[in-house]
Protein backbone atom coordinates (compact mmCIF):
# COMPACT_ATOMS: atom_id res chain seq x y z
CA MET A 1 -25.84 17.97 -66.24
CA GLU A 2 -25.47 19.87 -62.86
CA VAL A 3 -22.76 22.26 -61.60
CA SER A 4 -23.01 23.11 -57.99
CA ASP A 5 -20.76 24.52 -55.16
CA GLY A 6 -22.75 21.88 -52.99
CA ILE A 7 -23.88 24.54 -50.65
CA HIS A 8 -25.17 27.87 -52.01
CA TRP A 9 -26.20 27.42 -55.68
CA ARG A 10 -26.37 24.81 -58.31
CA TYR A 11 -27.31 25.02 -62.20
CA VAL A 12 -29.10 22.12 -63.78
CA HIS A 13 -28.61 22.16 -67.47
CA ASP A 14 -31.03 20.16 -69.30
CA ARG A 15 -30.46 18.97 -72.85
CA ASP A 16 -33.36 20.99 -74.58
CA GLY A 17 -31.37 24.13 -73.31
CA THR A 18 -33.58 24.76 -70.25
CA LEU A 19 -31.36 26.00 -67.24
CA ARG A 20 -32.59 25.60 -63.78
CA SER A 21 -30.86 27.75 -61.16
CA TYR A 22 -31.08 27.04 -57.30
CA SER A 23 -29.57 29.68 -55.23
CA VAL A 24 -29.78 30.19 -51.43
CA GLY A 25 -33.65 29.72 -51.64
CA ARG A 26 -34.38 31.36 -55.04
CA ASN A 27 -35.16 29.14 -57.91
CA THR A 28 -35.21 30.54 -61.55
CA VAL A 29 -35.65 28.89 -65.09
CA GLY A 30 -33.91 30.26 -68.03
CA LYS A 31 -32.17 28.97 -70.83
CA TRP A 32 -28.59 27.99 -71.51
CA LEU A 33 -26.41 28.08 -74.90
CA ILE A 34 -22.92 27.58 -76.18
CA GLN A 35 -21.83 31.16 -78.04
CA HIS A 36 -18.40 31.88 -79.17
CA SER A 37 -16.88 29.05 -77.30
CA GLU A 38 -18.53 29.97 -74.13
CA ILE A 39 -21.35 28.88 -72.01
CA CYS A 40 -23.95 31.61 -71.45
CA PHE A 41 -26.87 31.48 -69.26
CA ASP A 42 -29.97 33.66 -69.92
CA LEU A 43 -31.55 34.46 -66.72
CA SER A 44 -33.19 37.29 -65.15
CA PRO A 45 -30.61 40.12 -64.18
CA PRO A 46 -28.35 40.40 -62.64
CA ASP A 47 -27.62 36.32 -63.10
CA GLY A 48 -27.34 36.14 -66.84
CA SER A 49 -23.95 36.03 -68.54
CA CYS A 50 -21.23 34.18 -70.45
CA PHE A 51 -18.54 32.24 -69.01
CA GLU A 52 -15.24 30.56 -70.07
CA VAL A 53 -15.35 26.94 -68.66
CA TRP A 54 -12.39 25.48 -66.98
CA ILE A 55 -12.51 21.60 -66.17
CA SER A 56 -10.09 19.68 -64.30
CA GLY A 57 -11.72 16.01 -63.67
CA GLN A 58 -15.27 17.09 -62.02
CA ASN A 59 -13.99 20.14 -60.83
CA VAL A 60 -15.40 23.41 -62.82
CA LYS A 61 -14.46 26.69 -62.87
CA LEU A 62 -16.71 29.29 -64.64
CA LYS A 63 -14.87 32.59 -65.63
CA PRO A 64 -17.16 35.22 -66.52
CA THR A 65 -16.41 37.34 -69.69
CA GLY A 66 -17.41 40.60 -68.14
CA LEU A 67 -18.27 41.73 -64.64
CA GLY A 68 -18.75 39.33 -61.91
CA MET A 69 -16.88 36.59 -59.73
CA ASP A 70 -15.67 33.34 -60.63
CA LEU A 71 -18.04 30.33 -59.78
CA GLU A 72 -16.28 26.98 -58.89
CA GLY A 73 -18.08 23.91 -58.47
CA VAL A 74 -18.21 20.37 -59.38
CA LEU A 75 -19.69 18.80 -62.54
CA GLN A 76 -22.11 15.82 -61.88
CA ALA A 77 -25.62 14.20 -62.90
CA PRO A 78 -28.54 16.11 -61.67
CA SER A 79 -29.38 15.48 -57.97
CA GLU A 80 -33.00 15.73 -58.43
CA GLY A 81 -35.36 16.05 -54.95
CA LYS A 82 -32.40 18.24 -53.10
């Protein structure tokens, strides 16, 4: 599945645990995993972090457990080719 703000960033979560991050012209590949009821992104610093996940319909809020800002986006099927 994909979480995206529709403009600046998107995270594509593959079934095998691969995480593809697209953020303002910067593409990164890492891993995602569930740890202690949170989703964690293993990406190059400073992008790696763990988040509480809040979902309402297709709207998603990722609240970091450490420092950082909330990420708000939409959960959808991956939009390959964008």
